[in-house]
């Protein structure tokens, strides 16, 4: 999708911080994008029962960042979601990316 749609796709799905992180990953940037996409999907599926209108959420409402030790975490800006804890795990190799999200309500 990135090669086909370029910035149009990136700006629709990823925040500026996510794009900056992935672009700085040089030869692994596509794997980092894919892992974040998978994490957003996993989180959305894990919290979908808590959301009043799932069509009101954008991809950018879920932001995947890394702490200073490199551990991924999620920032969620969805007003109908009150304090929840989310643990995520990302993994990727050359052709595959996966993510797991555990939500504590």
PDB file of N, CA and C in Angstrom:
ATOM      1  N   UNK A   1       0.826  -1.200   0.000  1.00  0.00           N
ATOM      2  CA  UNK A   1       0.000   0.000   0.000  1.00  0.00           C
ATOM      3  C   UNK A   1       0.864   1.256   0.000  1.00  0.00           C
ATOM      4  N   UNK A   2       1.962   1.215   0.731  1.00  0.00           N
ATOM      5  CA  UNK A   2       2.827   2.393   0.784  1.00  0.00           C
ATOM      6  C   UNK A   2       3.411   2.675  -0.591  1.00  0.00           C
ATOM      7  N   UNK A   3       3.849   1.623  -1.273  1.00  0.00           N
ATOM      8  CA  UNK A   3       4.419   1.826  -2.605  1.00  0.00           C
ATOM      9  C   UNK A   3       3.356   2.287  -3.600  1.00  0.00           C
ATOM     10  N   UNK A   4       2.119   1.790  -3.464  1.00  0.00           N
ATOM     11  CA  UNK A   4       1.044   2.165  -4.386  1.00  0.00           C
ATOM     12  C   UNK A   4       0.478   3.551  -4.107  1.00  0.00           C
ATOM     13  N   UNK A   5       0.228   3.863  -2.835  1.00  0.00           N
ATOM     14  CA  UNK A   5      -0.457   5.117  -2.485  1.00  0.00           C
ATOM     15  C   UNK A   5       0.437   6.158  -1.825  1.00  0.00           C
ATOM     16  N   UNK A   6       1.604   5.761  -1.374  1.00  0.00           N
ATOM     17  CA  UNK A   6       2.562   6.702  -0.793  1.00  0.00           C
ATOM     18  C   UNK A   6       2.041   7.472   0.393  1.00  0.00           C
ATOM     19  N   UNK A   7       2.268   8.790   0.362  1.00  0.00           N
ATOM     20  CA  UNK A   7       1.901   9.655   1.491  1.00  0.00           C
ATOM     21  C   UNK A   7       0.406   9.650   1.773  1.00  0.00           C
ATOM     22  N   UNK A   8      -0.404   9.442   0.775  1.00  0.00           N
ATOM     23  CA  UNK A   8      -1.860   9.403   0.986  1.00  0.00           C
ATOM     24  C   UNK A   8      -2.218   8.297   1.980  1.00  0.00           C
ATOM     25  N   UNK A   9      -1.617   7.128   1.801  1.00  0.00           N
ATOM     26  CA  UNK A   9      -1.850   6.015   2.719  1.00  0.00           C
ATOM     27  C   UNK A   9      -1.220   6.299   4.081  1.00  0.00           C
ATOM     28  N   UNK A  10       0.027   6.729   4.088  1.00  0.00           N
ATOM     29  CA  UNK A  10       0.716   6.986   5.354  1.00  0.00           C
ATOM     30  C   UNK A  10      -0.025   8.005   6.201  1.00  0.00           C
ATOM     31  N   UNK A  11      -0.459   9.094   5.591  1.00  0.00           N
ATOM     32  CA  UNK A  11      -1.151  10.151   6.331  1.00  0.00           C
ATOM     33  C   UNK A  11      -2.529   9.732   6.819  1.00  0.00           C
ATOM     34  N   UNK A  12      -3.110   8.744   6.186  1.00  0.00           N
ATOM     35  CA  UNK A  12      -4.427   8.256   6.617  1.00  0.00           C
ATOM     36  C   UNK A  12      -4.311   7.304   7.805  1.00  0.00           C
ATOM     37  N   UNK A  13      -3.223   6.539   7.866  1.00  0.00           N
ATOM     38  CA  UNK A  13      -3.109   5.456   8.840  1.00  0.00           C
ATOM     39  C   UNK A  13      -2.185   5.782  10.013  1.00  0.00           C
ATOM     40  N   UNK A  14      -1.125   6.531   9.773  1.00  0.00           N
ATOM     41  CA  UNK A  14      -0.090   6.716  10.787  1.00  0.00           C
ATOM     42  C   UNK A  14       0.024   8.168  11.233  1.00  0.00           C
ATOM     43  N   UNK A  15       0.391   8.339  12.506  1.00  0.00           N
ATOM     44  CA  UNK A  15       0.647   9.682  13.031  1.00  0.00           C
ATOM     45  C   UNK A  15       2.039  10.140  12.592  1.00  0.00           C
ATOM     46  N   UNK A  16       2.314  11.408  12.790  1.00  0.00           N
ATOM     47  CA  UNK A  16       3.630  11.943  12.423  1.00  0.00           C
ATOM     48  C   UNK A  16       4.750  11.237  13.187  1.00  0.00           C
ATOM     49  N   UNK A  17       4.509  10.954  14.468  1.00  0.00           N
ATOM     50  CA  UNK A  17       5.534  10.275  15.264  1.00  0.00           C
ATOM     51  C   UNK A  17       5.784   8.855  14.751  1.00  0.00           C
ATOM     52  N   UNK A  18       4.726   8.163  14.366  1.00  0.00           N
ATOM     53  CA  UNK A  18       4.888   6.803  13.833  1.00  0.00           C
ATOM     54  C   UNK A  18       5.667   6.832  12.514  1.00  0.00           C
ATOM     55  N   UNK A  19       5.323   7.769  11.651  1.00  0.00           N
ATOM     56  CA  UNK A  19       6.021   7.886  10.364  1.00  0.00           C
ATOM     57  C   UNK A  19       7.497   8.205  10.594  1.00  0.00           C
ATOM     58  N   UNK A  20       7.764   9.118  11.493  1.00  0.00           N
ATOM     59  CA  UNK A  20       9.156   9.481  11.793  1.00  0.00           C
ATOM     60  C   UNK A  20       9.940   8.258  12.278  1.00  0.00           C
ATOM     61  N   UNK A  21       9.345   7.501  13.196  1.00  0.00           N
ATOM     62  CA  UNK A  21      10.021   6.311  13.716  1.00  0.00           C
ATOM     63  C   UNK A  21      10.301   5.302  12.602  1.00  0.00           C
ATOM     64  N   UNK A  22       9.303   5.005  11.805  1.00  0.00           N
ATOM     65  CA  UNK A  22       9.462   4.005  10.744  1.00  0.00           C
ATOM     66  C   UNK A  22      10.452   4.464   9.679  1.00  0.00           C
ATOM     67  N   UNK A  23      10.375   5.709   9.297  1.00  0.00           N
ATOM     68  CA  UNK A  23      11.278   6.229   8.268  1.00  0.00           C
ATOM     69  C   UNK A  23      12.733   6.232   8.743  1.00  0.00           C
ATOM     70  N   UNK A  24      12.933   6.413  10.036  1.00  0.00           N
ATOM     71  CA  UNK A  24      14.293   6.384  10.583  1.00  0.00           C
ATOM     72  C   UNK A  24      14.840   4.958  10.713  1.00  0.00           C
ATOM     73  N   UNK A  25      14.001   3.977  10.449  1.00  0.00           N
ATOM     74  CA  UNK A  25      14.416   2.575  10.555  1.00  0.00           C
ATOM     75  C   UNK A  25      15.101   2.073   9.290  1.00  0.00           C
ATOM     76  N   UNK A  26      15.273   2.948   8.316  1.00  0.00           N
ATOM     77  CA  UNK A  26      15.988   2.682   7.063  1.00  0.00           C
ATOM     78  C   UNK A  26      15.529   1.412   6.357  1.00  0.00           C
ATOM     79  N   UNK A  27      16.387   0.385   6.316  1.00  0.00           N
ATOM     80  CA  UNK A  27      16.080  -0.801   5.528  1.00  0.00           C
ATOM     81  C   UNK A  27      14.936  -1.643   6.106  1.00  0.00           C
ATOM     82  N   UNK A  28      14.546  -1.405   7.340  1.00  0.00           N
ATOM     83  CA  UNK A  28      13.454  -2.164   7.971  1.00  0.00           C
ATOM     84  C   UNK A  28      12.177  -1.348   8.083  1.00  0.00           C
ATOM     85  N   UNK A  29      12.091  -0.219   7.397  1.00  0.00           N
ATOM     86  CA  UNK A  29      10.951   0.670   7.613  1.00  0.00           C
ATOM     87  C   UNK A  29       9.621   0.017   7.278  1.00  0.00           C
ATOM     88  N   UNK A  30       9.552  -0.767   6.230  1.00  0.00           N
ATOM     89  CA  UNK A  30       8.281  -1.394   5.862  1.00  0.00           C
ATOM     90  C   UNK A  30       7.832  -2.405   6.915  1.00  0.00           C
ATOM     91  N   UNK A  31       8.775  -3.106   7.513  1.00  0.00           N
ATOM     92  CA  UNK A  31       8.433  -4.050   8.570  1.00  0.00           C
ATOM     93  C   UNK A  31       7.898  -3.317   9.799  1.00  0.00           C
ATOM     94  N   UNK A  32       8.462  -2.162  10.116  1.00  0.00           N
ATOM     95  CA  UNK A  32       7.977  -1.373  11.248  1.00  0.00           C
ATOM     96  C   UNK A  32       6.575  -0.818  10.978  1.00  0.00           C
ATOM     97  N   UNK A  33       6.351  -0.360   9.756  1.00  0.00           N
ATOM     98  CA  UNK A  33       4.995   0.072   9.397  1.00  0.00           C
ATOM     99  C   UNK A  33       4.007  -1.081   9.526  1.00  0.00           C
ATOM    100  N   UNK A  34       4.372  -2.241   9.002  1.00  0.00           N
ATOM    101  CA  UNK A  34       3.477  -3.404   9.031  1.00  0.00           C
ATOM    102  C   UNK A  34       3.176  -3.834  10.459  1.00  0.00           C
ATOM    103  N   UNK A  35       4.169  -3.828  11.325  1.00  0.00           N
ATOM    104  CA  UNK A  35       3.951  -4.213  12.723  1.00  0.00           C
ATOM    105  C   UNK A  35       3.006  -3.236  13.413  1.00  0.00           C
ATOM    106  N   UNK A  36       3.137  -1.957  13.137  1.00  0.00           N
ATOM    107  CA  UNK A  36       2.235  -0.969  13.732  1.00  0.00           C
ATOM    108  C   UNK A  36       0.820  -1.098  13.189  1.00  0.00           C
ATOM    109  N   UNK A  37       0.716  -1.394  11.928  1.00  0.00           N
ATOM    110  CA  UNK A  37      -0.604  -1.647  11.344  1.00  0.00           C
ATOM    111  C   UNK A  37      -1.254  -2.845  12.033  1.00  0.00           C
ATOM    112  N   UNK A  38      -0.497  -3.925  12.207  1.00  0.00           N
ATOM    113  CA  UNK A  38      -1.020  -5.118  12.880  1.00  0.00           C
ATOM    114  C   UNK A  38      -1.417  -4.814  14.320  1.00  0.00           C
ATOM    115  N   UNK A  39      -0.632  -3.982  15.003  1.00  0.00           N
ATOM    116  CA  UNK A  39      -0.955  -3.619  16.385  1.00  0.00           C
ATOM    117  C   UNK A  39      -2.243  -2.805  16.456  1.00  0.00           C
ATOM    118  N   UNK A  40      -2.426  -1.874  15.540  1.00  0.00           N
ATOM    119  CA  UNK A  40      -3.658  -1.087  15.514  1.00  0.00           C
ATOM    120  C   UNK A  40      -4.868  -1.998  15.295  1.00  0.00           C
ATOM    121  N   UNK A  41      -4.735  -2.949  14.386  1.00  0.00           N
ATOM    122  CA  UNK A  41      -5.804  -3.929  14.140  1.00  0.00           C
ATOM    123  C   UNK A  41      -6.093  -4.747  15.393  1.00  0.00           C
ATOM    124  N   UNK A  42      -5.043  -5.235  16.035  1.00  0.00           N
ATOM    125  CA  UNK A  42      -5.220  -6.063  17.232  1.00  0.00           C
ATOM    126  C   UNK A  42      -5.885  -5.275  18.353  1.00  0.00           C
ATOM    127  N   UNK A  43      -5.481  -4.047  18.555  1.00  0.00           N
ATOM    128  CA  UNK A  43      -6.073  -3.207  19.598  1.00  0.00           C
ATOM    129  C   UNK A  43      -7.527  -2.904  19.267  1.00  0.00           C
ATOM    130  N   UNK A  44      -7.791  -2.537  18.030  1.00  0.00           N
ATOM    131  CA  UNK A  44      -9.173  -2.249  17.647  1.00  0.00           C
ATOM    132  C   UNK A  44     -10.074  -3.446  17.921  1.00  0.00           C
ATOM    133  N   UNK A  45      -9.625  -4.622  17.557  1.00  0.00           N
ATOM    134  CA  UNK A  45     -10.433  -5.821  17.789  1.00  0.00           C
ATOM    135  C   UNK A  45     -10.611  -6.091  19.275  1.00  0.00           C
ATOM    136  N   UNK A  46      -9.579  -5.822  20.066  1.00  0.00           N
ATOM    137  CA  UNK A  46      -9.659  -6.069  21.504  1.00  0.00           C
ATOM    138  C   UNK A  46     -10.586  -5.092  22.222  1.00  0.00           C
ATOM    139  N   UNK A  47     -10.715  -3.874  21.697  1.00  0.00           N
ATOM    140  CA  UNK A  47     -11.552  -2.860  22.368  1.00  0.00           C
ATOM    141  C   UNK A  47     -12.881  -2.623  21.661  1.00  0.00           C
ATOM    142  N   UNK A  48     -13.160  -3.329  20.601  1.00  0.00           N
ATOM    143  CA  UNK A  48     -14.340  -3.022  19.787  1.00  0.00           C
ATOM    144  C   UNK A  48     -15.654  -3.100  20.561  1.00  0.00           C
ATOM    145  N   UNK A  49     -15.747  -3.965  21.554  1.00  0.00           N
ATOM    146  CA  UNK A  49     -16.978  -4.039  22.351  1.00  0.00           C
ATOM    147  C   UNK A  49     -17.168  -2.813  23.243  1.00  0.00           C
ATOM    148  N   UNK A  50     -16.108  -2.061  23.474  1.00  0.00           N
ATOM    149  CA  UNK A  50     -16.179  -0.881  24.336  1.00  0.00           C
ATOM    150  C   UNK A  50     -16.519   0.391  23.568  1.00  0.00           C
ATOM    151  N   UNK A  51     -16.572   0.295  22.261  1.00  0.00           N
ATOM    152  CA  UNK A  51     -16.753   1.473  21.411  1.00  0.00           C
ATOM    153  C   UNK A  51     -18.206   1.580  20.967  1.00  0.00           C
ATOM    154  N   UNK A  52     -18.789   2.764  21.141  1.00  0.00           N
ATOM    155  CA  UNK A  52     -20.181   2.983  20.769  1.00  0.00           C
ATOM    156  C   UNK A  52     -20.402   2.897  19.265  1.00  0.00           C
ATOM    157  N   UNK A  53     -19.546   3.551  18.509  1.00  0.00           N
ATOM    158  CA  UNK A  53     -19.683   3.585  17.061  1.00  0.00           C
ATOM    159  C   UNK A  53     -18.316   3.311  16.439  1.00  0.00           C
ATOM    160  N   UNK A  54     -18.093   2.076  16.021  1.00  0.00           N
ATOM    161  CA  UNK A  54     -16.770   1.706  15.515  1.00  0.00           C
ATOM    162  C   UNK A  54     -16.399   2.445  14.233  1.00  0.00           C
ATOM    163  N   UNK A  55     -17.367   3.038  13.563  1.00  0.00           N
ATOM    164  CA  UNK A  55     -17.080   3.776  12.340  1.00  0.00           C
ATOM    165  C   UNK A  55     -16.609   5.204  12.624  1.00  0.00           C
ATOM    166  N   UNK A  56     -16.650   5.611  13.886  1.00  0.00           N
ATOM    167  CA  UNK A  56     -16.200   6.950  14.252  1.00  0.00           C
ATOM    168  C   UNK A  56     -14.713   6.992  14.587  1.00  0.00           C
ATOM    169  N   UNK A  57     -14.055   5.856  14.536  1.00  0.00           N
ATOM    170  CA  UNK A  57     -12.645   5.758  14.892  1.00  0.00           C
ATOM    171  C   UNK A  57     -11.783   5.832  13.633  1.00  0.00           C
ATOM    172  N   UNK A  58     -10.702   6.572  13.741  1.00  0.00           N
ATOM    173  CA  UNK A  58      -9.751   6.597  12.627  1.00  0.00           C
ATOM    174  C   UNK A  58      -8.511   5.804  13.033  1.00  0.00           C
ATOM    175  N   UNK A  59      -7.731   5.452  12.035  1.00  0.00           N
ATOM    176  CA  UNK A  59      -6.483   4.716  12.294  1.00  0.00           C
ATOM    177  C   UNK A  59      -5.571   5.498  13.225  1.00  0.00           C
ATOM    178  N   UNK A  60      -5.594   6.824  13.120  1.00  0.00           N
ATOM    179  CA  UNK A  60      -4.699   7.657  13.917  1.00  0.00           C
ATOM    180  C   UNK A  60      -5.134   7.783  15.371  1.00  0.00           C
ATOM    181  N   UNK A  61      -6.342   7.317  15.698  1.00  0.00           N
ATOM    182  CA  UNK A  61      -6.792   7.334  17.087  1.00  0.00           C
ATOM    183  C   UNK A  61      -6.020   6.334  17.940  1.00  0.00           C
ATOM    184  N   UNK A  62      -5.340   5.413  17.296  1.00  0.00           N
ATOM    185  CA  UNK A  62      -4.480   4.446  17.980  1.00  0.00           C
ATOM    186  C   UNK A  62      -3.063   4.694  17.467  1.00  0.00           C
ATOM    187  N   UNK A  63      -2.190   5.113  18.368  1.00  0.00           N
ATOM    188  CA  UNK A  63      -0.810   5.439  17.991  1.00  0.00           C
ATOM    189  C   UNK A  63       0.134   4.464  18.688  1.00  0.00           C
ATOM    190  N   UNK A  64       1.017   3.857  17.916  1.00  0.00           N
ATOM    191  CA  UNK A  64       1.976   2.896  18.455  1.00  0.00           C
ATOM    192  C   UNK A  64       3.352   3.553  18.490  1.00  0.00           C
ATOM    193  N   UNK A  65       3.890   3.686  19.697  1.00  0.00           N
ATOM    194  CA  UNK A  65       5.204   4.293  19.894  1.00  0.00           C
ATOM    195  C   UNK A  65       6.092   3.341  20.691  1.00  0.00           C
ATOM    196  N   UNK A  66       7.315   3.749  20.922  1.00  0.00           N
ATOM    197  CA  UNK A  66       8.234   2.964  21.734  1.00  0.00           C
ATOM    198  C   UNK A  66       8.730   3.826  22.884  1.00  0.00           C
ATOM    199  N   UNK A  67       8.888   3.203  24.065  1.00  0.00           N
ATOM    200  CA  UNK A  67       9.439   3.944  25.188  1.00  0.00           C
ATOM    201  C   UNK A  67      10.960   4.038  25.023  1.00  0.00           C
ATOM    202  N   UNK A  68      11.626   4.630  26.011  1.00  0.00           N
ATOM    203  CA  UNK A  68      13.066   4.849  25.879  1.00  0.00           C
ATOM    204  C   UNK A  68      13.887   3.560  25.915  1.00  0.00           C
ATOM    205  N   UNK A  69      13.253   2.444  26.271  1.00  0.00           N
ATOM    206  CA  UNK A  69      13.933   1.146  26.246  1.00  0.00           C
ATOM    207  C   UNK A  69      13.563   0.347  24.999  1.00  0.00           C
ATOM    208  N   UNK A  70      12.742   0.933  24.123  1.00  0.00           N
ATOM    209  CA  UNK A  70      12.347   0.263  22.896  1.00  0.00           C
ATOM    210  C   UNK A  70      11.062  -0.546  22.995  1.00  0.00           C
ATOM    211  N   UNK A  71      10.457  -0.589  24.181  1.00  0.00           N
ATOM    212  CA  UNK A  71       9.221  -1.343  24.378  1.00  0.00           C
ATOM    213  C   UNK A  71       8.057  -0.608  23.728  1.00  0.00           C
ATOM    214  N   UNK A  72       7.266  -1.303  22.892  1.00  0.00           N
ATOM    215  CA  UNK A  72       6.127  -0.623  22.258  1.00  0.00           C
ATOM    216  C   UNK A  72       4.987  -0.371  23.243  1.00  0.00           C
ATOM    217  N   UNK A  73       4.298   0.721  23.016  1.00  0.00           N
ATOM    218  CA  UNK A  73       3.106   1.038  23.793  1.00  0.00           C
ATOM    219  C   UNK A  73       2.114   1.760  22.896  1.00  0.00           C
ATOM    220  N   UNK A  74       0.868   1.832  23.352  1.00  0.00           N
ATOM    221  CA  UNK A  74      -0.186   2.452  22.552  1.00  0.00           C
ATOM    222  C   UNK A  74      -0.738   3.680  23.250  1.00  0.00           C
ATOM    223  N   UNK A  75      -0.902   4.741  22.481  1.00  0.00           N
ATOM    224  CA  UNK A  75      -1.657   5.922  22.906  1.00  0.00           C
ATOM    225  C   UNK A  75      -3.006   5.832  22.211  1.00  0.00           C
ATOM    226  N   UNK A  76      -4.070   5.925  22.990  1.00  0.00           N
ATOM    227  CA  UNK A  76      -5.404   5.829  22.408  1.00  0.00           C
ATOM    228  C   UNK A  76      -6.144   7.130  22.668  1.00  0.00           C
ATOM    229  N   UNK A  77      -6.670   7.730  21.609  1.00  0.00           N
ATOM    230  CA  UNK A  77      -7.414   8.985  21.740  1.00  0.00           C
ATOM    231  C   UNK A  77      -8.856   8.782  21.276  1.00  0.00           C
ATOM    232  N   UNK A  78      -9.541   7.883  21.965  1.00  0.00           N
ATOM    233  CA  UNK A  78     -10.941   7.585  21.675  1.00  0.00           C
ATOM    234  C   UNK A  78     -11.733   7.982  22.913  1.00  0.00           C
ATOM    235  N   UNK A  79     -12.629   8.959  22.761  1.00  0.00           N
ATOM    236  CA  UNK A  79     -13.315   9.523  23.921  1.00  0.00           C
ATOM    237  C   UNK A  79     -14.195   8.523  24.668  1.00  0.00           C
ATOM    238  N   UNK A  80     -14.733   7.525  23.976  1.00  0.00           N
ATOM    239  CA  UNK A  80     -15.618   6.575  24.652  1.00  0.00           C
ATOM    240  C   UNK A  80     -14.857   5.510  25.441  1.00  0.00           C
ATOM    241  N   UNK A  81     -13.538   5.520  25.324  1.00  0.00           N
ATOM    242  CA  UNK A  81     -12.716   4.557  26.058  1.00  0.00           C
ATOM    243  C   UNK A  81     -12.133   5.253  27.268  1.00  0.00           C
ATOM    244  N   UNK A  82     -12.534   4.780  28.441  1.00  0.00           N
ATOM    245  CA  UNK A  82     -11.957   5.319  29.666  1.00  0.00           C
ATOM    246  C   UNK A  82     -10.684   4.554  29.980  1.00  0.00           C
ATOM    247  N   UNK A  83     -10.125   4.824  31.090  1.00  0.00           N
ATOM    248  CA  UNK A  83      -8.824   4.261  31.454  1.00  0.00           C
ATOM    249  C   UNK A  83      -8.776   2.744  31.262  1.00  0.00           C
ATOM    250  N   UNK A  84      -7.966   2.332  30.317  1.00  0.00           N
ATOM    251  CA  UNK A  84      -7.703   0.912  30.099  1.00  0.00           C
ATOM    252  C   UNK A  84      -6.194   0.738  29.953  1.00  0.00           C
ATOM    253  N   UNK A  85      -5.728  -0.440  30.283  1.00  0.00           N
ATOM    254  CA  UNK A  85      -4.320  -0.756  30.107  1.00  0.00           C
ATOM    255  C   UNK A  85      -4.187  -1.682  28.911  1.00  0.00           C
ATOM    256  N   UNK A  86      -3.198  -1.416  28.087  1.00  0.00           N
ATOM    257  CA  UNK A  86      -2.967  -2.236  26.908  1.00  0.00           C
ATOM    258  C   UNK A  86      -1.503  -2.645  26.880  1.00  0.00           C
ATOM    259  N   UNK A  87      -1.265  -3.930  26.790  1.00  0.00           N
ATOM    260  CA  UNK A  87       0.078  -4.448  26.545  1.00  0.00           C
ATOM    261  C   UNK A  87       0.109  -4.932  25.114  1.00  0.00           C
ATOM    262  N   UNK A  88       1.150  -4.554  24.389  1.00  0.00           N
ATOM    263  CA  UNK A  88       1.273  -5.006  23.010  1.00  0.00           C
ATOM    264  C   UNK A  88       2.645  -5.629  22.781  1.00  0.00           C
ATOM    265  N   UNK A  89       2.657  -6.561  21.875  1.00  0.00           N
ATOM    266  CA  UNK A  89       3.898  -7.179  21.440  1.00  0.00           C
ATOM    267  C   UNK A  89       3.921  -7.134  19.920  1.00  0.00           C
ATOM    268  N   UNK A  90       5.036  -6.670  19.371  1.00  0.00           N
ATOM    269  CA  UNK A  90       5.210  -6.586  17.924  1.00  0.00           C
ATOM    270  C   UNK A  90       6.363  -7.487  17.521  1.00  0.00           C
ATOM    271  N   UNK A  91       6.228  -8.105  16.381  1.00  0.00           N
ATOM    272  CA  UNK A  91       7.310  -8.915  15.845  1.00  0.00           C
ATOM    273  C   UNK A  91       7.262  -8.837  14.327  1.00  0.00           C
ATOM    274  N   UNK A  92       8.432  -8.829  13.730  1.00  0.00           N
ATOM    275  CA  UNK A  92       8.467  -8.793  12.269  1.00  0.00           C
ATOM    276  C   UNK A  92       9.773  -9.369  11.748  1.00  0.00           C
ATOM    277  N   UNK A  93       9.661  -9.946  10.576  1.00  0.00           N
ATOM    278  CA  UNK A  93      10.816 -10.389   9.811  1.00  0.00           C
ATOM    279  C   UNK A  93      10.645  -9.826   8.411  1.00  0.00           C
ATOM    280  N   UNK A  94      11.449 -10.249   7.499  1.00  0.00           N
ATOM    281  CA  UNK A  94      11.456  -9.642   6.171  1.00  0.00           C
ATOM    282  C   UNK A  94      10.071  -9.559   5.531  1.00  0.00           C
ATOM    283  N   UNK A  95       9.299 -10.629   5.548  1.00  0.00           N
ATOM    284  CA  UNK A  95       8.029 -10.657   4.825  1.00  0.00           C
ATOM    285  C   UNK A  95       6.780 -10.688   5.696  1.00  0.00           C
ATOM    286  N   UNK A  96       6.929 -10.783   7.017  1.00  0.00           N
ATOM    287  CA  UNK A  96       5.764 -10.925   7.879  1.00  0.00           C
ATOM    288  C   UNK A  96       5.870 -10.017   9.096  1.00  0.00           C
ATOM    289  N   UNK A  97       4.709  -9.565   9.552  1.00  0.00           N
ATOM    290  CA  UNK A  97       4.633  -8.788  10.790  1.00  0.00           C
ATOM    291  C   UNK A  97       3.404  -9.245  11.555  1.00  0.00           C
ATOM    292  N   UNK A  98       3.547  -9.350  12.868  1.00  0.00           N
ATOM    293  CA  UNK A  98       2.415  -9.722  13.715  1.00  0.00           C
ATOM    294  C   UNK A  98       2.401  -8.821  14.947  1.00  0.00           C
ATOM    295  N   UNK A  99       1.245  -8.777  15.572  1.00  0.00           N
ATOM    296  CA  UNK A  99       1.100  -8.027  16.815  1.00  0.00           C
ATOM    297  C   UNK A  99       0.037  -8.711  17.658  1.00  0.00           C
ATOM    298  N   UNK A 100       0.241  -8.618  18.960  1.00  0.00           N
ATOM    299  CA  UNK A 100      -0.728  -9.130  19.924  1.00  0.00           C
ATOM    300  C   UNK A 100      -1.034  -7.997  20.887  1.00  0.00           C
ATOM    301  N   UNK A 101      -2.309  -7.848  21.202  1.00  0.00           N
ATOM    302  CA  UNK A 101      -2.728  -6.815  22.159  1.00  0.00           C
ATOM    303  C   UNK A 101      -3.518  -7.475  23.281  1.00  0.00           C
ATOM    304  N   UNK A 102      -3.155  -7.155  24.511  1.00  0.00           N
ATOM    305  CA  UNK A 102      -3.896  -7.610  25.686  1.00  0.00           C
ATOM    306  C   UNK A 102      -4.433  -6.373  26.365  1.00  0.00           C
ATOM    307  N   UNK A 103      -5.749  -6.317  26.493  1.00  0.00           N
ATOM    308  CA  UNK A 103      -6.412  -5.149  27.074  1.00  0.00           C
ATOM    309  C   UNK A 103      -6.928  -5.504  28.458  1.00  0.00           C
ATOM    310  N   UNK A 104      -6.580  -4.670  29.436  1.00  0.00           N
ATOM    311  CA  UNK A 104      -7.083  -4.839  30.801  1.00  0.00           C
ATOM    312  C   UNK A 104      -8.080  -3.731  31.062  1.00  0.00           C
ATOM    313  N   UNK A 105      -9.306  -4.108  31.367  1.00  0.00           N
ATOM    314  CA  UNK A 105     -10.366  -3.131  31.594  1.00  0.00           C
ATOM    315  C   UNK A 105     -10.580  -2.915  33.069  1.00  0.00           C
TER     316      UNK A 105
END
